[in-house]
Amino acid sequence: MRFFISSELKRNDFLKIIVIFTTLFFLFLWLTNILLYMQIGFNFEGIVGYYLGNEETFRPPKSYIGLLEEAHFHFFSMAILLITLTHLILFTSISSGWKLTLILASFISSFLEIISSWLIRYISPLFAYLKLGSFIVMQVSLLLLIIIIIIYLFRKDD
């Protein structure tokens, strides 16, 4: 990360390639998030049916173990993704207000997106609105982080 503080990143082509490929992988992760939700559905009924089950489509409710496995993996992977992207964003030239907004939006929305599965399953189906809203905020903030980092890598000034 010290390469972002100095202009060394602009001069180190190998490091620049690593960061470009990392952000490219994150961009594909972002895209597969969208595709996964297309299978579930971007609506209240689809999300509720996914977690509480749907007799018409023969979908059983998500089990405790299923939710636990999903949460376990997502807490770890989202932490790695977010610490990487938000750390990189610190060294770009966007304002401190935008940096804080993107950091808070990405971490809070990701956390809410993960725990809302549990809330839907065990508290109320109305938490499907929280899941949908937090997913949208998470996706927008991730995309903005990726775009800003890519722009930083290719801008000419420095």
C-alpha atoms as a PDB file:
ATOM      1  CA  MET A   1       0.000   0.000   0.000  1.00  0.00           C
ATOM      2  CA  ARG A   2       2.978   2.322   0.427  1.00  0.00           C
ATOM      3  CA  PHE A   3       3.139   2.529  -3.369  1.00  0.00           C
ATOM      4  CA  PHE A   4      -0.143   4.433  -3.395  1.00  0.00           C
ATOM      5  CA  ILE A   5       1.225   7.039  -0.988  1.00  0.00           C
ATOM      6  CA  SER A   6       4.128   7.836  -3.262  1.00  0.00           C
ATOM      7  CA  SER A   7       4.032   7.961  -7.009  1.00  0.00           C
ATOM      8  CA  GLU A   8       5.947   4.673  -7.103  1.00  0.00           C
ATOM      9  CA  LEU A   9       2.856   2.851  -8.313  1.00  0.00           C
ATOM     10  CA  LYS A  10       2.921   4.853 -11.533  1.00  0.00           C
ATOM     11  CA  ARG A  11       6.547   3.862 -12.106  1.00  0.00           C
ATOM     12  CA  ASN A  12       6.279   0.203 -11.049  1.00  0.00           C
ATOM     13  CA  ASP A  13       4.609  -1.592 -13.951  1.00  0.00           C
ATOM     14  CA  PHE A  14       4.527  -4.954 -12.183  1.00  0.00           C
ATOM     15  CA  LEU A  15       2.749  -3.522  -9.163  1.00  0.00           C
ATOM     16  CA  LYS A  16       0.337  -1.681 -11.422  1.00  0.00           C
ATOM     17  CA  ILE A  17      -0.449  -4.975 -13.213  1.00  0.00           C
ATOM     18  CA  ILE A  18      -1.136  -6.669  -9.863  1.00  0.00           C
ATOM     19  CA  VAL A  19      -3.544  -3.939  -8.775  1.00  0.00           C
ATOM     20  CA  ILE A  20      -5.261  -3.918 -12.182  1.00  0.00           C
ATOM     21  CA  PHE A  21      -5.815  -7.674 -12.105  1.00  0.00           C
ATOM     22  CA  THR A  22      -7.001  -7.532  -8.493  1.00  0.00           C
ATOM     23  CA  THR A  23      -9.572  -4.879  -9.328  1.00  0.00           C
ATOM     24  CA  LEU A  24     -10.553  -6.867 -12.422  1.00  0.00           C
ATOM     25  CA  PHE A  25     -11.244  -9.902 -10.221  1.00  0.00           C
ATOM     26  CA  PHE A  26     -13.270  -7.693  -7.883  1.00  0.00           C
ATOM     27  CA  LEU A  27     -15.210  -6.379 -10.873  1.00  0.00           C
ATOM     28  CA  PHE A  28     -16.098  -9.946 -11.906  1.00  0.00           C
ATOM     29  CA  LEU A  29     -17.106 -10.699  -8.318  1.00  0.00           C
ATOM     30  CA  TRP A  30     -19.375  -7.658  -8.490  1.00  0.00           C
ATOM     31  CA  LEU A  31     -20.904  -8.930 -11.729  1.00  0.00           C
ATOM     32  CA  THR A  32     -21.517 -12.428 -10.343  1.00  0.00           C
ATOM     33  CA  ASN A  33     -23.287 -10.860  -7.348  1.00  0.00           C
ATOM     34  CA  ILE A  34     -25.749  -9.303  -9.780  1.00  0.00           C
ATOM     35  CA  LEU A  35     -26.181 -12.578 -11.685  1.00  0.00           C
ATOM     36  CA  LEU A  36     -26.826 -14.492  -8.452  1.00  0.00           C
ATOM     37  CA  TYR A  37     -29.573 -12.082  -7.467  1.00  0.00           C
ATOM     38  CA  MET A  38     -31.101 -12.456 -10.918  1.00  0.00           C
ATOM     39  CA  GLN A  39     -31.620 -16.130 -10.041  1.00  0.00           C
ATOM     40  CA  ILE A  40     -33.209 -15.292  -6.679  1.00  0.00           C
ATOM     41  CA  GLY A  41     -35.073 -12.242  -7.931  1.00  0.00           C
ATOM     42  CA  PHE A  42     -34.735  -8.525  -7.249  1.00  0.00           C
ATOM     43  CA  ASN A  43     -38.056  -8.415  -5.453  1.00  0.00           C
ATOM     44  CA  PHE A  44     -39.597  -9.054  -2.071  1.00  0.00           C
ATOM     45  CA  GLU A  45     -41.290 -12.330  -3.062  1.00  0.00           C
ATOM     46  CA  GLY A  46     -38.165 -13.832  -4.603  1.00  0.00           C
ATOM     47  CA  ILE A  47     -36.012 -13.053  -1.596  1.00  0.00           C
ATOM     48  CA  VAL A  48     -38.597 -14.298   0.895  1.00  0.00           C
ATOM     49  CA  GLY A  49     -39.090 -17.482  -1.146  1.00  0.00           C
ATOM     50  CA  TYR A  50     -35.356 -18.093  -1.218  1.00  0.00           C
ATOM     51  CA  TYR A  51     -34.993 -17.920   2.568  1.00  0.00           C
ATOM     52  CA  LEU A  52     -38.389 -19.143   3.802  1.00  0.00           C
ATOM     53  CA  GLY A  53     -39.001 -21.656   1.058  1.00  0.00           C
ATOM     54  CA  ASN A  54     -41.504 -21.768  -1.763  1.00  0.00           C
ATOM     55  CA  GLU A  55     -43.864 -24.704  -2.238  1.00  0.00           C
ATOM     56  CA  GLU A  56     -44.653 -23.747  -5.848  1.00  0.00           C
ATOM     57  CA  THR A  57     -40.992 -24.063  -6.890  1.00  0.00           C
ATOM     58  CA  PHE A  58     -40.263 -26.884  -4.415  1.00  0.00           C
ATOM     59  CA  ARG A  59     -37.640 -24.739  -2.686  1.00  0.00           C
ATOM     60  CA  PRO A  60     -37.129 -25.701   0.980  1.00  0.00           C
ATOM     61  CA  PRO A  61     -36.447 -23.011   3.577  1.00  0.00           C
ATOM     62  CA  LYS A  62     -32.790 -22.161   4.176  1.00  0.00           C
ATOM     63  CA  SER A  63     -31.534 -24.256   7.067  1.00  0.00           C
ATOM     64  CA  TYR A  64     -29.630 -22.987  10.073  1.00  0.00           C
ATOM     65  CA  ILE A  65     -26.490 -24.774   8.836  1.00  0.00           C
ATOM     66  CA  GLY A  66     -26.990 -23.359   5.327  1.00  0.00           C
ATOM     67  CA  LEU A  67     -27.219 -19.833   6.711  1.00  0.00           C
ATOM     68  CA  LEU A  68     -24.228 -20.432   8.980  1.00  0.00           C
ATOM     69  CA  GLU A  69     -22.048 -21.686   6.112  1.00  0.00           C
ATOM     70  CA  GLU A  70     -23.116 -18.767   3.927  1.00  0.00           C
ATOM     71  CA  ALA A  71     -22.452 -16.203   6.679  1.00  0.00           C
ATOM     72  CA  HIS A  72     -19.112 -17.774   7.622  1.00  0.00           C
ATOM     73  CA  PHE A  73     -17.793 -17.513   4.071  1.00  0.00           C
ATOM     74  CA  HIS A  74     -19.279 -14.076   3.376  1.00  0.00           C
ATOM     75  CA  PHE A  75     -17.997 -12.446   6.578  1.00  0.00           C
ATOM     76  CA  PHE A  76     -14.454 -13.538   5.705  1.00  0.00           C
ATOM     77  CA  SER A  77     -14.535 -12.819   1.977  1.00  0.00           C
ATOM     78  CA  MET A  78     -16.254  -9.444   2.313  1.00  0.00           C
ATOM     79  CA  ALA A  79     -13.747  -8.393   4.992  1.00  0.00           C
ATOM     80  CA  ILE A  80     -10.840  -9.189   2.647  1.00  0.00           C
ATOM     81  CA  LEU A  81     -12.514  -7.499  -0.317  1.00  0.00           C
ATOM     82  CA  LEU A  82     -13.472  -4.389   1.639  1.00  0.00           C
ATOM     83  CA  ILE A  83     -10.189  -3.944   3.486  1.00  0.00           C
ATOM     84  CA  THR A  84      -8.381  -4.132   0.151  1.00  0.00           C
ATOM     85  CA  LEU A  85     -10.620  -1.722  -1.749  1.00  0.00           C
ATOM     86  CA  THR A  86     -11.115   0.762   1.075  1.00  0.00           C
ATOM     87  CA  HIS A  87      -7.410   0.784   1.867  1.00  0.00           C
ATOM     88  CA  LEU A  88      -6.588   1.512  -1.760  1.00  0.00           C
ATOM     89  CA  ILE A  89      -9.197   4.281  -1.884  1.00  0.00           C
ATOM     90  CA  LEU A  90      -7.474   6.068   1.013  1.00  0.00           C
ATOM     91  CA  PHE A  91      -4.575   6.990  -1.234  1.00  0.00           C
ATOM     92  CA  THR A  92      -6.579   8.399  -4.112  1.00  0.00           C
ATOM     93  CA  SER A  93      -7.222  12.108  -4.468  1.00  0.00           C
ATOM     94  CA  ILE A  94     -10.979  12.064  -3.797  1.00  0.00           C
ATOM     95  CA  SER A  95     -12.197  14.152  -0.872  1.00  0.00           C
ATOM     96  CA  SER A  96     -12.199  12.874   2.696  1.00  0.00           C
ATOM     97  CA  GLY A  97     -15.981  13.103   2.749  1.00  0.00           C
ATOM     98  CA  TRP A  98     -16.292  10.767  -0.218  1.00  0.00           C
ATOM     99  CA  LYS A  99     -13.737   8.400   1.272  1.00  0.00           C
ATOM    100  CA  LEU A 100     -15.652   8.227   4.555  1.00  0.00           C
ATOM    101  CA  THR A 101     -18.970   7.799   2.747  1.00  0.00           C
ATOM    102  CA  LEU A 102     -17.661   4.949   0.587  1.00  0.00           C
ATOM    103  CA  ILE A 103     -15.983   3.211   3.525  1.00  0.00           C
ATOM    104  CA  LEU A 104     -19.060   3.384   5.752  1.00  0.00           C
ATOM    105  CA  ALA A 105     -21.506   2.542   2.950  1.00  0.00           C
ATOM    106  CA  SER A 106     -19.527  -0.491   1.809  1.00  0.00           C
ATOM    107  CA  PHE A 107     -18.907  -1.992   5.259  1.00  0.00           C
ATOM    108  CA  ILE A 108     -22.337  -1.273   6.751  1.00  0.00           C
ATOM    109  CA  SER A 109     -24.291  -2.395   3.686  1.00  0.00           C
ATOM    110  CA  SER A 110     -22.235  -5.591   3.402  1.00  0.00           C
ATOM    111  CA  PHE A 111     -22.809  -6.400   7.061  1.00  0.00           C
ATOM    112  CA  LEU A 112     -26.546  -5.732   6.761  1.00  0.00           C
ATOM    113  CA  GLU A 113     -26.758  -7.765   3.553  1.00  0.00           C
ATOM    114  CA  ILE A 114     -25.263 -10.776   5.340  1.00  0.00           C
ATOM    115  CA  ILE A 115     -27.248 -10.586   8.577  1.00  0.00           C
ATOM    116  CA  SER A 116     -30.541  -9.790   6.862  1.00  0.00           C
ATOM    117  CA  SER A 117     -30.671 -13.417   5.694  1.00  0.00           C
ATOM    118  CA  TRP A 118     -30.929 -14.469   9.337  1.00  0.00           C
ATOM    119  CA  LEU A 119     -33.463 -11.768  10.081  1.00  0.00           C
ATOM    120  CA  ILE A 120     -35.681 -12.892   7.181  1.00  0.00           C
ATOM    121  CA  ARG A 121     -35.488 -16.529   8.198  1.00  0.00           C
ATOM    122  CA  TYR A 122     -35.969 -16.166  11.952  1.00  0.00           C
ATOM    123  CA  ILE A 123     -37.578 -12.767  12.664  1.00  0.00           C
ATOM    124  CA  SER A 124     -39.740 -11.474   9.813  1.00  0.00           C
ATOM    125  CA  PRO A 125     -40.005 -11.673   6.021  1.00  0.00           C
ATOM    126  CA  LEU A 126     -40.139  -7.863   6.024  1.00  0.00           C
ATOM    127  CA  PHE A 127     -36.352  -7.882   6.399  1.00  0.00           C
ATOM    128  CA  ALA A 128     -36.269  -8.822   2.713  1.00  0.00           C
ATOM    129  CA  TYR A 129     -36.540  -5.079   2.071  1.00  0.00           C
ATOM    130  CA  LEU A 130     -33.408  -4.557   4.171  1.00  0.00           C
ATOM    131  CA  LYS A 131     -31.633  -7.286   2.218  1.00  0.00           C
ATOM    132  CA  LEU A 132     -32.594  -5.768  -1.116  1.00  0.00           C
ATOM    133  CA  GLY A 133     -31.703  -2.218  -0.056  1.00  0.00           C
ATOM    134  CA  SER A 134     -28.388  -3.193   1.512  1.00  0.00           C
ATOM    135  CA  PHE A 135     -27.507  -5.267  -1.557  1.00  0.00           C
ATOM    136  CA  ILE A 136     -28.089  -2.268  -3.829  1.00  0.00           C
ATOM    137  CA  VAL A 137     -26.026   0.061  -1.607  1.00  0.00           C
ATOM    138  CA  MET A 138     -23.280  -2.562  -1.351  1.00  0.00           C
ATOM    139  CA  GLN A 139     -23.142  -3.048  -5.119  1.00  0.00           C
ATOM    140  CA  VAL A 140     -23.090   0.684  -5.850  1.00  0.00           C
ATOM    141  CA  SER A 141     -20.371   1.361  -3.268  1.00  0.00           C
ATOM    142  CA  LEU A 142     -18.233  -1.558  -4.504  1.00  0.00           C
ATOM    143  CA  LEU A 143     -18.545  -0.402  -8.098  1.00  0.00           C
ATOM    144  CA  LEU A 144     -17.600   3.164  -7.144  1.00  0.00           C
ATOM    145  CA  LEU A 145     -14.573   1.928  -5.206  1.00  0.00           C
ATOM    146  CA  ILE A 146     -13.424  -0.158  -8.177  1.00  0.00           C
ATOM    147  CA  ILE A 147     -13.969   2.636 -10.712  1.00  0.00           C
ATOM    148  CA  ILE A 148     -12.164   5.249  -8.592  1.00  0.00           C
ATOM    149  CA  ILE A 149      -9.175   2.936  -8.099  1.00  0.00           C
ATOM    150  CA  ILE A 150      -8.990   2.165 -11.814  1.00  0.00           C
ATOM    151  CA  ILE A 151      -9.204   5.870 -12.695  1.00  0.00           C
ATOM    152  CA  TYR A 152      -6.431   6.583 -10.180  1.00  0.00           C
ATOM    153  CA  LEU A 153      -4.198   3.975 -11.805  1.00  0.00           C
ATOM    154  CA  PHE A 154      -4.606   5.407 -15.298  1.00  0.00           C
ATOM    155  CA  ARG A 155      -4.748   9.135 -14.698  1.00  0.00           C
ATOM    156  CA  LYS A 156      -1.889  11.123 -16.160  1.00  0.00           C
ATOM    157  CA  ASP A 157      -1.316  13.693 -13.422  1.00  0.00           C
ATOM    158  CA  ASP A 158       1.151  13.123 -10.548  1.00  0.00           C
END
